N, C-alpha and C. Protein backbone atom coordinates (compact mmCIF):
# COMPACT_ATOMS: atom_id res chain seq x y z
N UNK A 1 -8.08 73.33 67.20
CA UNK A 1 -7.39 72.06 67.37
C UNK A 1 -7.03 71.89 68.85
N UNK A 2 -7.24 70.69 69.35
CA UNK A 2 -6.89 70.46 70.74
C UNK A 2 -5.51 69.81 70.84
N UNK A 3 -5.04 69.65 72.06
CA UNK A 3 -3.69 69.12 72.28
C UNK A 3 -3.53 67.69 71.77
N UNK A 4 -4.58 66.90 71.87
CA UNK A 4 -4.48 65.52 71.38
C UNK A 4 -4.26 65.51 69.87
N UNK A 5 -4.96 66.35 69.13
CA UNK A 5 -4.76 66.44 67.68
C UNK A 5 -3.30 66.79 67.38
N UNK A 6 -2.75 67.74 68.11
CA UNK A 6 -1.37 68.16 67.89
C UNK A 6 -0.39 67.03 68.21
N UNK A 7 -0.65 66.27 69.27
CA UNK A 7 0.21 65.13 69.61
C UNK A 7 0.14 64.06 68.52
N UNK A 8 -1.05 63.79 68.04
CA UNK A 8 -1.21 62.80 66.97
C UNK A 8 -0.49 63.26 65.71
N UNK A 9 -0.65 64.52 65.37
CA UNK A 9 0.02 65.08 64.19
C UNK A 9 1.54 64.96 64.33
N UNK A 10 2.06 65.26 65.50
CA UNK A 10 3.49 65.15 65.75
C UNK A 10 3.97 63.71 65.63
N UNK A 11 3.22 62.77 66.19
CA UNK A 11 3.57 61.35 66.09
C UNK A 11 3.54 60.88 64.63
N UNK A 12 2.57 61.33 63.89
CA UNK A 12 2.49 60.96 62.47
C UNK A 12 3.72 61.44 61.71
N UNK A 13 4.18 62.65 62.02
CA UNK A 13 5.38 63.17 61.37
C UNK A 13 6.60 62.34 61.75
N UNK A 14 6.71 61.99 63.04
CA UNK A 14 7.85 61.19 63.49
C UNK A 14 7.86 59.82 62.84
N UNK A 15 6.69 59.23 62.69
CA UNK A 15 6.58 57.89 62.11
C UNK A 15 6.52 57.90 60.59
N UNK A 16 6.50 59.10 60.02
CA UNK A 16 6.46 59.27 58.56
C UNK A 16 5.23 58.62 57.94
N UNK A 17 4.09 58.86 58.57
CA UNK A 17 2.80 58.41 58.03
C UNK A 17 1.96 59.66 57.79
N UNK A 18 2.37 60.40 56.77
CA UNK A 18 1.77 61.70 56.47
C UNK A 18 0.28 61.64 56.22
N UNK A 19 -0.17 60.59 55.55
CA UNK A 19 -1.59 60.48 55.23
C UNK A 19 -2.41 60.25 56.49
N UNK A 20 -1.86 59.54 57.47
CA UNK A 20 -2.56 59.39 58.75
C UNK A 20 -2.92 60.76 59.30
N UNK A 21 -1.94 61.66 59.31
CA UNK A 21 -2.13 62.98 59.90
C UNK A 21 -3.27 63.74 59.24
N UNK A 22 -3.41 63.61 57.94
CA UNK A 22 -4.45 64.36 57.25
C UNK A 22 -5.79 63.64 57.21
N UNK A 23 -5.77 62.30 57.16
CA UNK A 23 -7.00 61.54 56.96
C UNK A 23 -7.69 61.06 58.24
N UNK A 24 -6.96 60.93 59.36
CA UNK A 24 -7.57 60.30 60.52
C UNK A 24 -8.76 61.05 61.08
N UNK A 25 -8.79 62.40 61.10
CA UNK A 25 -9.96 63.05 61.68
C UNK A 25 -11.26 62.73 60.93
N UNK A 26 -11.21 62.79 59.59
CA UNK A 26 -12.41 62.50 58.80
C UNK A 26 -12.81 61.03 58.93
N UNK A 27 -11.81 60.14 58.90
CA UNK A 27 -12.12 58.72 59.03
C UNK A 27 -12.65 58.40 60.43
N UNK A 28 -12.13 59.07 61.44
CA UNK A 28 -12.64 58.87 62.81
C UNK A 28 -14.09 59.35 62.91
N UNK A 29 -14.38 60.47 62.27
CA UNK A 29 -15.75 60.99 62.26
C UNK A 29 -16.71 60.02 61.57
N UNK A 30 -16.28 59.50 60.42
CA UNK A 30 -17.10 58.52 59.69
C UNK A 30 -17.32 57.26 60.54
N UNK A 31 -16.26 56.81 61.19
CA UNK A 31 -16.37 55.60 62.02
C UNK A 31 -17.34 55.83 63.17
N UNK A 32 -17.29 57.03 63.77
CA UNK A 32 -18.20 57.33 64.88
C UNK A 32 -19.65 57.38 64.39
N UNK A 33 -19.87 58.00 63.22
CA UNK A 33 -21.22 58.12 62.67
C UNK A 33 -21.79 56.75 62.30
N UNK A 34 -20.94 55.88 61.76
CA UNK A 34 -21.41 54.56 61.32
C UNK A 34 -21.28 53.51 62.43
N UNK A 35 -20.73 53.93 63.56
CA UNK A 35 -20.52 53.04 64.70
C UNK A 35 -19.73 51.79 64.31
N UNK A 36 -18.66 52.01 63.53
CA UNK A 36 -17.81 50.89 63.13
C UNK A 36 -16.82 50.56 64.24
N UNK A 37 -16.20 49.42 64.13
CA UNK A 37 -15.26 48.97 65.15
C UNK A 37 -13.94 49.74 65.03
N UNK A 38 -13.14 49.66 66.09
CA UNK A 38 -11.81 50.27 66.06
C UNK A 38 -10.97 49.62 64.97
N UNK A 39 -11.12 48.32 64.80
CA UNK A 39 -10.37 47.60 63.78
C UNK A 39 -10.74 48.08 62.38
N UNK A 40 -12.02 48.33 62.13
CA UNK A 40 -12.45 48.84 60.82
C UNK A 40 -11.87 50.24 60.57
N UNK A 41 -11.90 51.07 61.60
CA UNK A 41 -11.32 52.41 61.50
C UNK A 41 -9.83 52.32 61.18
N UNK A 42 -9.11 51.47 61.90
CA UNK A 42 -7.68 51.32 61.69
C UNK A 42 -7.40 50.78 60.28
N UNK A 43 -8.21 49.82 59.83
CA UNK A 43 -8.03 49.28 58.49
C UNK A 43 -8.20 50.36 57.43
N UNK A 44 -9.22 51.19 57.57
CA UNK A 44 -9.44 52.28 56.61
C UNK A 44 -8.28 53.28 56.62
N UNK A 45 -7.76 53.55 57.80
CA UNK A 45 -6.63 54.46 57.92
C UNK A 45 -5.38 53.88 57.26
N UNK A 46 -5.13 52.60 57.48
CA UNK A 46 -3.98 51.93 56.85
C UNK A 46 -4.13 51.87 55.33
N UNK A 47 -5.34 51.59 54.86
CA UNK A 47 -5.59 51.57 53.41
C UNK A 47 -5.35 52.94 52.80
N UNK A 48 -5.74 53.97 53.50
CA UNK A 48 -5.53 55.34 53.03
C UNK A 48 -4.03 55.63 52.90
N UNK A 49 -3.26 55.24 53.90
CA UNK A 49 -1.80 55.44 53.86
C UNK A 49 -1.19 54.63 52.72
N UNK A 50 -1.63 53.40 52.54
CA UNK A 50 -1.11 52.55 51.48
C UNK A 50 -1.38 53.14 50.10
N UNK A 51 -2.59 53.64 49.89
CA UNK A 51 -2.92 54.27 48.60
C UNK A 51 -2.03 55.48 48.35
N UNK A 52 -1.81 56.28 49.36
CA UNK A 52 -0.97 57.47 49.22
C UNK A 52 0.47 57.09 48.90
N UNK A 53 0.98 56.06 49.56
CA UNK A 53 2.36 55.63 49.29
C UNK A 53 2.50 55.08 47.88
N UNK A 54 1.52 54.32 47.43
CA UNK A 54 1.56 53.81 46.06
C UNK A 54 1.54 54.95 45.06
N UNK A 55 0.77 55.97 45.33
CA UNK A 55 0.74 57.14 44.44
C UNK A 55 2.08 57.85 44.45
N UNK A 56 2.73 57.96 45.60
CA UNK A 56 4.05 58.60 45.66
C UNK A 56 5.06 57.78 44.88
N UNK A 57 4.97 56.45 44.96
CA UNK A 57 5.87 55.60 44.17
C UNK A 57 5.63 55.82 42.67
N UNK A 58 4.38 55.91 42.29
CA UNK A 58 4.05 56.15 40.89
C UNK A 58 4.63 57.48 40.42
N UNK A 59 4.50 58.49 41.26
CA UNK A 59 5.07 59.80 40.92
C UNK A 59 6.59 59.74 40.83
N UNK A 60 7.21 58.96 41.71
CA UNK A 60 8.67 58.81 41.67
C UNK A 60 9.09 58.15 40.36
N UNK A 61 8.30 57.18 39.89
CA UNK A 61 8.60 56.55 38.61
C UNK A 61 8.59 57.57 37.48
N UNK A 62 7.61 58.45 37.53
CA UNK A 62 7.49 59.46 36.48
C UNK A 62 8.67 60.42 36.49
N UNK A 63 9.26 60.65 37.66
CA UNK A 63 10.35 61.61 37.78
C UNK A 63 11.73 60.97 37.72
N UNK A 64 11.81 59.67 37.66
CA UNK A 64 13.10 59.00 37.69
C UNK A 64 13.80 58.97 36.34
N UNK A 65 13.10 59.34 35.27
CA UNK A 65 13.69 59.33 33.95
C UNK A 65 13.49 58.03 33.19
N UNK A 66 12.70 57.11 33.73
CA UNK A 66 12.48 55.84 33.04
C UNK A 66 11.82 56.07 31.69
N UNK A 67 12.33 55.43 30.64
CA UNK A 67 11.70 55.58 29.33
C UNK A 67 10.33 54.90 29.29
N UNK A 68 10.19 53.80 30.02
CA UNK A 68 8.92 53.07 30.11
C UNK A 68 9.00 52.15 31.32
N UNK A 69 7.85 51.82 31.86
CA UNK A 69 7.83 50.90 32.99
C UNK A 69 7.89 49.48 32.45
N UNK A 70 8.95 48.79 32.81
CA UNK A 70 9.15 47.40 32.41
C UNK A 70 9.41 46.59 33.68
N UNK A 71 9.15 45.30 33.61
CA UNK A 71 9.41 44.44 34.75
C UNK A 71 10.27 43.26 34.33
N UNK A 72 10.91 42.64 35.30
CA UNK A 72 11.72 41.45 35.04
C UNK A 72 10.81 40.33 34.54
N UNK A 73 9.59 40.26 35.08
CA UNK A 73 8.64 39.22 34.69
C UNK A 73 8.24 39.33 33.22
N UNK A 74 8.29 40.53 32.65
CA UNK A 74 7.92 40.74 31.24
C UNK A 74 9.06 40.40 30.29
N UNK A 75 10.27 40.24 30.81
CA UNK A 75 11.44 40.01 29.97
C UNK A 75 11.34 38.64 29.30
N UNK A 76 11.61 38.60 28.01
CA UNK A 76 11.53 37.36 27.23
C UNK A 76 12.92 36.70 27.21
N UNK A 77 13.13 35.77 28.11
CA UNK A 77 14.42 35.10 28.22
C UNK A 77 14.69 34.20 27.01
N UNK A 78 13.65 33.74 26.33
CA UNK A 78 13.84 32.90 25.14
C UNK A 78 14.39 33.74 23.99
N UNK A 79 13.93 34.99 23.88
CA UNK A 79 14.39 35.87 22.81
C UNK A 79 15.85 36.27 23.04
N UNK A 80 16.18 36.64 24.26
CA UNK A 80 17.53 37.08 24.58
C UNK A 80 18.28 35.93 25.24
N UNK A 81 18.72 35.00 24.43
CA UNK A 81 19.32 33.78 24.96
C UNK A 81 20.67 34.02 25.63
N UNK A 82 21.31 35.15 25.37
CA UNK A 82 22.61 35.44 25.98
C UNK A 82 22.52 35.88 27.42
N UNK A 83 21.32 36.21 27.89
CA UNK A 83 21.15 36.68 29.26
C UNK A 83 20.84 35.49 30.16
N UNK A 84 21.75 35.13 31.06
CA UNK A 84 21.48 34.00 31.95
C UNK A 84 20.33 34.34 32.91
N UNK A 85 19.25 33.58 32.81
CA UNK A 85 18.04 33.87 33.58
C UNK A 85 18.32 33.91 35.08
N UNK A 86 19.10 32.98 35.57
CA UNK A 86 19.36 32.94 37.02
C UNK A 86 20.10 34.20 37.47
N UNK A 87 21.01 34.67 36.67
CA UNK A 87 21.77 35.88 37.02
C UNK A 87 20.87 37.12 36.98
N UNK A 88 20.01 37.19 35.99
CA UNK A 88 19.08 38.32 35.88
C UNK A 88 18.11 38.32 37.05
N UNK A 89 17.60 37.15 37.40
CA UNK A 89 16.67 37.06 38.53
C UNK A 89 17.37 37.43 39.84
N UNK A 90 18.64 37.07 39.96
CA UNK A 90 19.41 37.45 41.16
C UNK A 90 19.58 38.97 41.21
N UNK A 91 19.84 39.59 40.08
CA UNK A 91 19.92 41.06 40.03
C UNK A 91 18.59 41.68 40.45
N UNK A 92 17.49 41.02 40.09
CA UNK A 92 16.17 41.51 40.44
C UNK A 92 15.94 41.57 41.94
N UNK A 93 16.73 40.85 42.71
CA UNK A 93 16.65 40.92 44.17
C UNK A 93 17.27 42.19 44.73
N UNK A 94 18.01 42.93 43.91
CA UNK A 94 18.59 44.24 44.22
C UNK A 94 19.69 44.20 45.30
N UNK A 95 20.18 43.03 45.63
CA UNK A 95 21.24 42.95 46.64
C UNK A 95 22.50 43.67 46.18
N UNK A 96 22.73 43.75 44.87
CA UNK A 96 23.91 44.44 44.35
C UNK A 96 23.93 45.91 44.76
N UNK A 97 22.75 46.50 44.96
CA UNK A 97 22.68 47.90 45.36
C UNK A 97 23.22 48.05 46.78
N UNK A 98 22.78 47.20 47.67
CA UNK A 98 23.25 47.25 49.06
C UNK A 98 24.74 46.94 49.16
N UNK A 99 25.22 46.07 48.28
CA UNK A 99 26.66 45.75 48.27
C UNK A 99 27.47 46.82 47.56
N UNK A 100 26.77 47.80 46.97
CA UNK A 100 27.40 48.91 46.23
C UNK A 100 28.24 48.39 45.06
N UNK A 101 27.68 47.42 44.34
CA UNK A 101 28.35 46.85 43.19
C UNK A 101 27.84 47.51 41.92
N UNK A 102 28.71 47.60 40.93
CA UNK A 102 28.32 48.07 39.62
C UNK A 102 27.87 46.90 38.78
N UNK A 103 26.91 47.15 37.90
CA UNK A 103 26.43 46.14 36.98
C UNK A 103 26.49 46.75 35.59
N UNK A 104 27.07 46.03 34.65
CA UNK A 104 27.15 46.49 33.27
C UNK A 104 26.45 45.46 32.41
N UNK A 105 25.47 45.92 31.65
CA UNK A 105 24.73 45.04 30.74
C UNK A 105 25.31 45.24 29.35
N UNK A 106 25.92 44.20 28.81
CA UNK A 106 26.54 44.25 27.49
C UNK A 106 25.80 43.32 26.54
N UNK A 107 25.78 43.70 25.29
CA UNK A 107 25.17 42.85 24.29
C UNK A 107 24.79 43.64 23.06
N UNK A 108 24.36 42.94 22.03
CA UNK A 108 24.01 43.62 20.79
C UNK A 108 22.73 44.47 20.94
N UNK A 109 22.57 45.39 20.02
CA UNK A 109 21.37 46.23 20.01
C UNK A 109 20.15 45.34 19.89
N UNK A 110 19.11 45.70 20.62
CA UNK A 110 17.86 44.94 20.56
C UNK A 110 17.84 43.71 21.45
N UNK A 111 18.84 43.56 22.29
CA UNK A 111 18.93 42.37 23.13
C UNK A 111 18.19 42.48 24.46
N UNK A 112 17.64 43.64 24.75
CA UNK A 112 16.85 43.79 25.97
C UNK A 112 17.57 44.45 27.13
N UNK A 113 18.72 45.09 26.86
CA UNK A 113 19.47 45.73 27.94
C UNK A 113 18.66 46.86 28.58
N UNK A 114 18.02 47.68 27.76
CA UNK A 114 17.22 48.78 28.29
C UNK A 114 16.02 48.25 29.06
N UNK A 115 15.42 47.18 28.57
CA UNK A 115 14.30 46.56 29.28
C UNK A 115 14.75 46.12 30.67
N UNK A 116 15.89 45.41 30.74
CA UNK A 116 16.38 44.94 32.03
C UNK A 116 16.74 46.10 32.95
N UNK A 117 17.39 47.11 32.41
CA UNK A 117 17.74 48.28 33.24
C UNK A 117 16.49 48.96 33.76
N UNK A 118 15.48 49.11 32.90
CA UNK A 118 14.21 49.72 33.33
C UNK A 118 13.53 48.86 34.39
N UNK A 119 13.60 47.54 34.22
CA UNK A 119 12.98 46.64 35.19
C UNK A 119 13.67 46.73 36.54
N UNK A 120 14.99 46.82 36.54
CA UNK A 120 15.72 46.97 37.80
C UNK A 120 15.39 48.31 38.45
N UNK A 121 15.29 49.35 37.64
CA UNK A 121 14.93 50.67 38.17
C UNK A 121 13.54 50.63 38.77
N UNK A 122 12.62 49.99 38.09
CA UNK A 122 11.25 49.88 38.59
C UNK A 122 11.23 49.16 39.94
N UNK A 123 11.93 48.05 40.03
CA UNK A 123 11.98 47.31 41.30
C UNK A 123 12.58 48.16 42.41
N UNK A 124 13.64 48.88 42.09
CA UNK A 124 14.30 49.72 43.10
C UNK A 124 13.35 50.82 43.58
N UNK A 125 12.66 51.45 42.67
CA UNK A 125 11.73 52.52 43.04
C UNK A 125 10.62 51.95 43.91
N UNK A 126 10.08 50.80 43.53
CA UNK A 126 9.01 50.18 44.32
C UNK A 126 9.51 49.78 45.72
N UNK A 127 10.82 49.55 45.83
CA UNK A 127 11.40 49.20 47.13
C UNK A 127 11.80 50.44 47.92
N UNK A 128 11.54 51.61 47.35
CA UNK A 128 11.85 52.85 48.06
C UNK A 128 13.31 53.29 47.93
N UNK A 129 14.01 52.78 46.93
CA UNK A 129 15.41 53.12 46.70
C UNK A 129 15.48 54.26 45.70
N UNK A 130 16.22 55.31 46.04
CA UNK A 130 16.34 56.46 45.13
C UNK A 130 17.04 56.02 43.85
N UNK A 131 16.41 56.34 42.73
CA UNK A 131 16.84 55.82 41.43
C UNK A 131 16.83 56.92 40.39
N UNK A 132 17.80 56.87 39.50
CA UNK A 132 17.87 57.81 38.38
C UNK A 132 18.23 57.04 37.13
N UNK A 133 17.46 57.25 36.07
CA UNK A 133 17.68 56.59 34.79
C UNK A 133 17.97 57.68 33.77
N UNK A 134 19.06 57.55 33.05
CA UNK A 134 19.41 58.55 32.03
C UNK A 134 20.17 57.86 30.90
N UNK A 135 20.23 58.52 29.78
CA UNK A 135 21.05 58.00 28.68
C UNK A 135 22.46 58.58 28.82
N UNK A 136 23.42 57.90 28.25
CA UNK A 136 24.80 58.39 28.29
C UNK A 136 24.89 59.76 27.62
N UNK A 137 24.15 59.94 26.54
CA UNK A 137 24.18 61.22 25.82
C UNK A 137 23.66 62.35 26.71
N UNK A 138 22.52 62.12 27.38
CA UNK A 138 21.97 63.16 28.26
C UNK A 138 22.90 63.45 29.43
N UNK A 139 23.43 62.42 30.03
CA UNK A 139 24.33 62.61 31.16
C UNK A 139 25.57 63.38 30.74
N UNK A 140 26.13 63.03 29.59
CA UNK A 140 27.32 63.71 29.11
C UNK A 140 27.04 65.19 28.83
N UNK A 141 25.92 65.48 28.17
CA UNK A 141 25.55 66.88 27.91
C UNK A 141 25.41 67.66 29.21
N UNK A 142 24.78 67.05 30.20
CA UNK A 142 24.58 67.73 31.48
C UNK A 142 25.90 67.92 32.21
N UNK A 143 26.78 66.93 32.14
CA UNK A 143 28.09 67.06 32.77
C UNK A 143 28.92 68.17 32.13
N UNK A 144 28.92 68.21 30.82
CA UNK A 144 29.69 69.23 30.11
C UNK A 144 29.11 70.62 30.43
N UNK A 145 27.79 70.75 30.40
CA UNK A 145 27.17 72.04 30.72
C UNK A 145 27.50 72.47 32.14
N UNK A 146 27.41 71.55 33.09
CA UNK A 146 27.74 71.88 34.48
C UNK A 146 29.20 72.25 34.61
N UNK A 147 30.08 71.57 33.90
CA UNK A 147 31.51 71.88 33.93
C UNK A 147 31.77 73.29 33.41
N UNK A 148 31.14 73.63 32.29
CA UNK A 148 31.34 74.97 31.70
C UNK A 148 30.77 76.07 32.59
N UNK A 149 29.77 75.75 33.37
CA UNK A 149 29.16 76.73 34.28
C UNK A 149 29.87 76.76 35.63
N UNK A 150 30.88 75.91 35.81
CA UNK A 150 31.60 75.86 37.07
C UNK A 150 30.77 75.23 38.19
N UNK A 151 29.83 74.37 37.80
CA UNK A 151 28.92 73.76 38.79
C UNK A 151 28.98 72.23 38.75
N UNK A 152 30.12 71.69 38.36
CA UNK A 152 30.24 70.25 38.22
C UNK A 152 30.07 69.53 39.56
N UNK A 153 30.70 70.07 40.60
CA UNK A 153 30.58 69.44 41.93
C UNK A 153 29.14 69.43 42.40
N UNK A 154 28.42 70.54 42.21
CA UNK A 154 27.02 70.60 42.61
C UNK A 154 26.19 69.61 41.81
N UNK A 155 26.47 69.48 40.52
CA UNK A 155 25.74 68.55 39.68
C UNK A 155 25.94 67.11 40.17
N UNK A 156 27.20 66.78 40.46
CA UNK A 156 27.48 65.43 40.96
C UNK A 156 26.72 65.16 42.25
N UNK A 157 26.76 66.09 43.18
CA UNK A 157 26.09 65.84 44.46
C UNK A 157 24.57 65.83 44.33
N UNK A 158 24.03 66.65 43.45
CA UNK A 158 22.57 66.75 43.32
C UNK A 158 21.99 65.63 42.47
N UNK A 159 22.67 65.25 41.43
CA UNK A 159 22.09 64.29 40.47
C UNK A 159 22.75 62.91 40.55
N UNK A 160 24.04 62.87 40.49
CA UNK A 160 24.72 61.59 40.38
C UNK A 160 24.81 60.87 41.73
N UNK A 161 25.28 61.55 42.76
CA UNK A 161 25.51 60.88 44.04
C UNK A 161 24.26 60.72 44.89
N UNK A 162 23.21 61.46 44.60
CA UNK A 162 21.99 61.38 45.40
C UNK A 162 21.27 60.05 45.23
N UNK A 163 21.38 59.46 44.07
CA UNK A 163 20.68 58.21 43.78
C UNK A 163 21.50 57.01 44.24
N UNK A 164 20.83 56.07 44.88
CA UNK A 164 21.52 54.81 45.24
C UNK A 164 21.69 53.93 44.01
N UNK A 165 20.79 54.11 43.04
CA UNK A 165 20.88 53.35 41.79
C UNK A 165 20.87 54.34 40.63
N UNK A 166 21.97 54.39 39.92
CA UNK A 166 22.09 55.24 38.74
C UNK A 166 22.24 54.35 37.53
N UNK A 167 21.29 54.44 36.60
CA UNK A 167 21.32 53.63 35.39
C UNK A 167 21.64 54.53 34.22
N UNK A 168 22.70 54.17 33.49
CA UNK A 168 23.12 54.95 32.33
C UNK A 168 22.96 54.05 31.11
N UNK A 169 22.03 54.42 30.25
CA UNK A 169 21.68 53.61 29.10
C UNK A 169 22.42 54.11 27.85
N UNK A 170 22.61 53.22 26.90
CA UNK A 170 23.14 53.52 25.58
C UNK A 170 24.56 54.08 25.62
N UNK A 171 25.39 53.53 26.49
CA UNK A 171 26.78 53.98 26.57
C UNK A 171 27.52 53.68 25.28
N UNK A 172 27.22 52.55 24.66
CA UNK A 172 27.94 52.14 23.45
C UNK A 172 27.55 52.94 22.20
N UNK A 173 26.51 53.76 22.28
CA UNK A 173 26.09 54.54 21.11
C UNK A 173 26.74 55.91 21.05
N UNK A 174 27.53 56.27 22.02
CA UNK A 174 27.98 57.65 22.14
C UNK A 174 29.48 57.77 21.91
N UNK A 175 29.88 58.50 20.86
CA UNK A 175 31.31 58.78 20.71
C UNK A 175 31.66 59.94 21.66
N UNK A 176 32.72 59.79 22.43
CA UNK A 176 33.11 60.82 23.37
C UNK A 176 34.14 61.74 22.74
N UNK A 177 33.88 63.06 22.82
CA UNK A 177 34.83 64.07 22.40
C UNK A 177 35.75 64.42 23.55
N UNK A 178 36.60 65.42 23.33
CA UNK A 178 37.59 65.80 24.34
C UNK A 178 36.92 66.29 25.64
N UNK A 179 35.94 67.20 25.53
CA UNK A 179 35.25 67.71 26.74
C UNK A 179 34.55 66.59 27.49
N UNK A 180 33.87 65.73 26.75
CA UNK A 180 33.12 64.65 27.38
C UNK A 180 34.05 63.68 28.10
N UNK A 181 35.18 63.37 27.47
CA UNK A 181 36.14 62.46 28.07
C UNK A 181 36.71 63.06 29.34
N UNK A 182 37.02 64.35 29.32
CA UNK A 182 37.57 65.01 30.52
C UNK A 182 36.55 65.03 31.64
N UNK A 183 35.28 65.28 31.34
CA UNK A 183 34.25 65.30 32.38
C UNK A 183 34.04 63.92 32.97
N UNK A 184 34.05 62.90 32.13
CA UNK A 184 33.76 61.57 32.63
C UNK A 184 34.91 60.98 33.43
N UNK A 185 36.10 61.58 33.35
CA UNK A 185 37.24 61.05 34.09
C UNK A 185 37.45 61.77 35.42
N UNK A 186 36.58 62.71 35.76
CA UNK A 186 36.75 63.45 37.02
C UNK A 186 36.36 62.65 38.20
């Protein structure tokens, strides 16, 4: 490796374009062999980075805990007449996350609350916002287990506080016992 390769690799790391660092030598070689323009080479390099970023987003979706990928566009506003469309679409802009506001979706079972929460999580992930989706039952079990292990603070910092968007589904389905109530009030 020559010094120019090392400088390019360092710049790629600084600019957070990891795929550039790995793909540019092969793409440059192909461009030289095919005598393509600099613009064609750059376009191929950018496409390579874009594909890699989309794949990382897809992987993030798989690890975020989403039960299924849903979108706001798929939501049936006619079926769930209690959900004001304008308010839901405004939530879809994700400004509430930057304002650090809480959002609570209330309504009867089958009204689409999980769909909307999943859709907001999907949008946030696609926007590069750290997101975690969990059920109230799972979160409570994990909190109680961490509390009993003396690792509640670590759990909060690693799981709860790390995400800019934390979605807790099915809160109304869970009866809280004494341990669960004490953990949730910390």
